[in-house]
Amino acid sequence: MLHNVLIAVDGSRNSRRAVEYAGLVFAPNPEARLVLFQILPAISRMNLDKEEIKTIDSRKVERPDLAGLYWRVEDEEEMNKFFGEAKDLLIKAGLEPEQIKSKFGVKKGEIADAILEEAELGKHDTLILGRRGLSRVREVFQGSVSTKVVREARGCAVVVVE
């Protein structure tokens, strides 16, 4: 049975738990396809030096969806390091490397909206993410990515890992 799974990560301990959970649940399914997905914060081009701009511009050639957006190269490097660790965890759980992909987006504003958009665009039937460690009081006033995703997701199962 094919499962198209989006694992929203941010490099945190809770997103690592989400990856571990996905490995546990989907490793027995050879048809499962998992996508590790992270949103990098968009920044102004004016906050980057010429080398960073050149590096980012070269990466955008293959990603027209990132046209006009800039991010910190060090954030991308940290993200790629986490993607590598997450992929290793999934392989150790029993998934094959070809079952695992990684993708990132760049966005200003609501991260939950970007996750929901990616889940819809990728036709993912399952969305897994870690719960942010907010206190109940802060969560009521600020909200959280996981709360918004659960509230607004349509057409897919949502799993929030503690």
Protein backbone atom coordinates (compact mmCIF):
# COMPACT_ATOMS: atom_id res chain seq x y z
CA MET A 1 0.00 0.00 0.00
CA LEU A 2 1.54 3.27 -1.16
CA HIS A 3 1.94 6.02 1.41
CA ASN A 4 3.10 9.47 0.45
CA VAL A 5 4.44 10.98 3.69
CA LEU A 6 5.60 14.52 4.42
CA ILE A 7 7.76 14.91 7.52
CA ALA A 8 8.00 18.57 8.49
CA VAL A 9 11.26 19.16 10.35
CA ASP A 10 13.17 22.08 11.83
CA GLY A 11 16.28 20.41 13.23
CA SER A 12 14.86 20.26 16.75
CA ARG A 13 14.71 17.32 19.13
CA ASN A 14 10.97 17.03 18.49
CA SER A 15 11.43 16.88 14.73
CA ARG A 16 14.02 14.13 15.26
CA ARG A 17 11.34 12.24 17.20
CA ALA A 18 8.96 12.76 14.28
CA VAL A 19 11.55 11.19 11.95
CA GLU A 20 12.05 8.25 14.33
CA TYR A 21 8.28 7.75 14.49
CA ALA A 22 8.01 7.79 10.69
CA GLY A 23 10.74 5.18 10.46
CA LEU A 24 8.98 2.94 12.95
CA VAL A 25 5.61 3.18 11.19
CA PHE A 26 6.63 3.18 7.52
CA ALA A 27 9.73 0.94 7.37
CA PRO A 28 7.62 -2.20 6.91
CA ASN A 29 6.00 -0.66 3.81
CA PRO A 30 8.29 -0.93 0.76
CA GLU A 31 5.92 1.34 -1.21
CA ALA A 32 6.10 4.23 1.26
CA ARG A 33 7.65 7.46 0.00
CA LEU A 34 8.89 9.90 2.63
CA VAL A 35 9.83 13.54 2.10
CA LEU A 36 11.78 15.45 4.74
CA PHE A 37 10.64 19.06 4.46
CA GLN A 38 11.96 22.20 6.13
CA ILE A 39 11.19 25.89 5.76
CA LEU A 40 14.12 28.29 5.96
CA PRO A 41 13.36 31.86 6.97
CA ALA A 42 13.53 34.37 4.12
CA ILE A 43 15.86 37.31 4.63
CA SER A 44 16.65 40.45 2.71
CA ARG A 45 19.34 40.23 0.05
CA MET A 46 20.88 43.32 1.68
CA ASN A 47 21.78 41.19 4.72
CA LEU A 48 24.07 38.94 2.68
CA ASP A 49 27.55 39.41 1.31
CA LYS A 50 28.33 39.00 -2.40
CA GLU A 51 29.59 35.42 -2.03
CA GLU A 52 26.43 34.31 -0.23
CA ILE A 53 24.26 35.94 -2.89
CA LYS A 54 26.25 34.22 -5.63
CA THR A 55 25.95 30.85 -3.86
CA ILE A 56 22.21 31.21 -3.36
CA ASP A 57 21.60 32.44 -6.90
CA SER A 58 23.41 29.39 -8.28
CA ARG A 59 21.16 27.09 -6.23
CA LYS A 60 18.01 28.82 -7.46
CA VAL A 61 18.70 27.80 -11.08
CA GLU A 62 17.09 24.40 -10.44
CA ARG A 63 14.40 25.82 -8.15
CA PRO A 64 12.32 28.49 -9.91
CA ASP A 65 9.93 28.47 -6.94
CA LEU A 66 12.69 30.23 -4.94
CA ALA A 67 13.10 33.13 -7.39
CA GLY A 68 13.45 36.42 -5.55
CA LEU A 69 13.99 34.75 -2.17
CA TYR A 70 17.15 34.69 -0.08
CA TRP A 71 18.18 32.76 3.02
CA ARG A 72 21.28 32.27 5.10
CA VAL A 73 23.72 29.74 3.67
CA GLU A 74 24.58 28.62 7.20
CA ASP A 75 20.89 27.82 7.81
CA GLU A 76 20.88 25.70 4.66
CA GLU A 77 24.05 23.90 5.76
CA GLU A 78 22.53 23.11 9.18
CA MET A 79 19.36 21.90 7.47
CA ASN A 80 21.34 19.64 5.12
CA LYS A 81 23.22 18.20 8.09
CA PHE A 82 19.91 17.41 9.79
CA PHE A 83 18.52 15.92 6.55
CA GLY A 84 21.55 13.60 6.43
CA GLU A 85 21.06 12.52 10.04
CA ALA A 86 17.33 12.02 9.50
CA LYS A 87 17.91 9.95 6.37
CA ASP A 88 20.38 7.78 8.31
CA LEU A 89 17.76 7.23 11.03
CA LEU A 90 15.17 6.20 8.44
CA ILE A 91 17.59 3.81 6.73
CA LYS A 92 18.52 2.26 10.09
CA ALA A 93 14.79 1.80 10.72
CA GLY A 94 14.60 -0.27 7.52
CA LEU A 95 13.69 2.14 4.72
CA GLU A 96 15.59 2.07 1.45
CA PRO A 97 17.47 5.25 0.43
CA GLU A 98 15.34 5.62 -2.71
CA GLN A 99 12.21 5.84 -0.52
CA ILE A 100 13.51 9.05 1.10
CA LYS A 101 13.72 12.52 -0.40
CA SER A 102 14.40 15.93 1.12
CA LYS A 103 13.11 19.33 0.13
CA PHE A 104 13.18 22.82 1.54
CA GLY A 105 11.22 25.98 1.05
CA VAL A 106 11.91 29.60 1.94
CA LYS A 107 9.17 31.71 3.40
CA LYS A 108 8.42 34.86 5.27
CA GLY A 109 5.60 34.55 7.76
CA GLU A 110 3.58 31.51 8.70
CA ILE A 111 5.50 28.24 8.58
CA ALA A 112 2.31 26.26 9.08
CA ASP A 113 0.90 27.70 5.85
CA ALA A 114 4.00 26.60 3.94
CA ILE A 115 3.76 23.07 5.38
CA LEU A 116 0.08 22.82 4.48
CA GLU A 117 0.79 24.11 0.98
CA GLU A 118 3.55 21.54 0.47
CA ALA A 119 1.32 18.73 1.77
CA GLU A 120 -1.33 19.71 -0.77
CA LEU A 121 1.06 20.25 -3.70
CA GLY A 122 2.82 16.94 -3.06
CA LYS A 123 -0.48 15.10 -2.61
CA HIS A 124 0.77 13.71 0.69
CA ASP A 125 -1.68 11.45 2.49
CA THR A 126 0.17 11.65 5.80
CA LEU A 127 1.86 14.62 7.45
CA ILE A 128 4.13 14.10 10.46
CA LEU A 129 5.62 16.85 12.59
CA GLY A 130 6.97 17.37 16.06
CA ARG A 131 5.18 19.41 18.69
CA ARG A 132 6.93 22.58 19.70
CA GLY A 133 7.75 22.79 23.39
CA LEU A 134 5.51 25.70 24.34
CA SER A 135 3.80 25.96 27.68
CA ARG A 136 0.00 25.74 27.48
CA VAL A 137 -0.35 29.44 28.34
CA ARG A 138 2.09 30.59 25.62
CA GLU A 139 0.46 28.21 23.14
CA VAL A 140 -2.97 29.76 23.78
CA PHE A 141 -1.67 33.26 23.06
CA GLN A 142 0.90 32.56 20.35
CA GLY A 143 -0.43 29.42 18.79
CA SER A 144 1.97 26.91 17.32
CA VAL A 145 2.83 25.42 13.99
CA SER A 146 1.51 21.99 14.99
CA THR A 147 -1.76 23.41 16.34
CA LYS A 148 -2.42 25.35 13.15
CA VAL A 149 -1.51 22.39 10.93
CA VAL A 150 -3.87 20.09 12.83
CA ARG A 151 -6.66 22.67 12.71
CA GLU A 152 -6.32 23.51 9.00
CA ALA A 153 -5.09 20.33 7.30
CA ARG A 154 -7.45 18.81 4.75
CA GLY A 155 -7.19 15.56 2.82
CA CYS A 156 -4.41 13.99 4.87
CA ALA A 157 -3.77 12.38 8.22
CA VAL A 158 -1.76 14.53 10.62
CA VAL A 159 0.47 13.01 13.29
CA VAL A 160 1.99 15.27 15.93
CA VAL A 161 4.85 13.60 17.78
CA GLU A 162 5.61 14.68 21.34
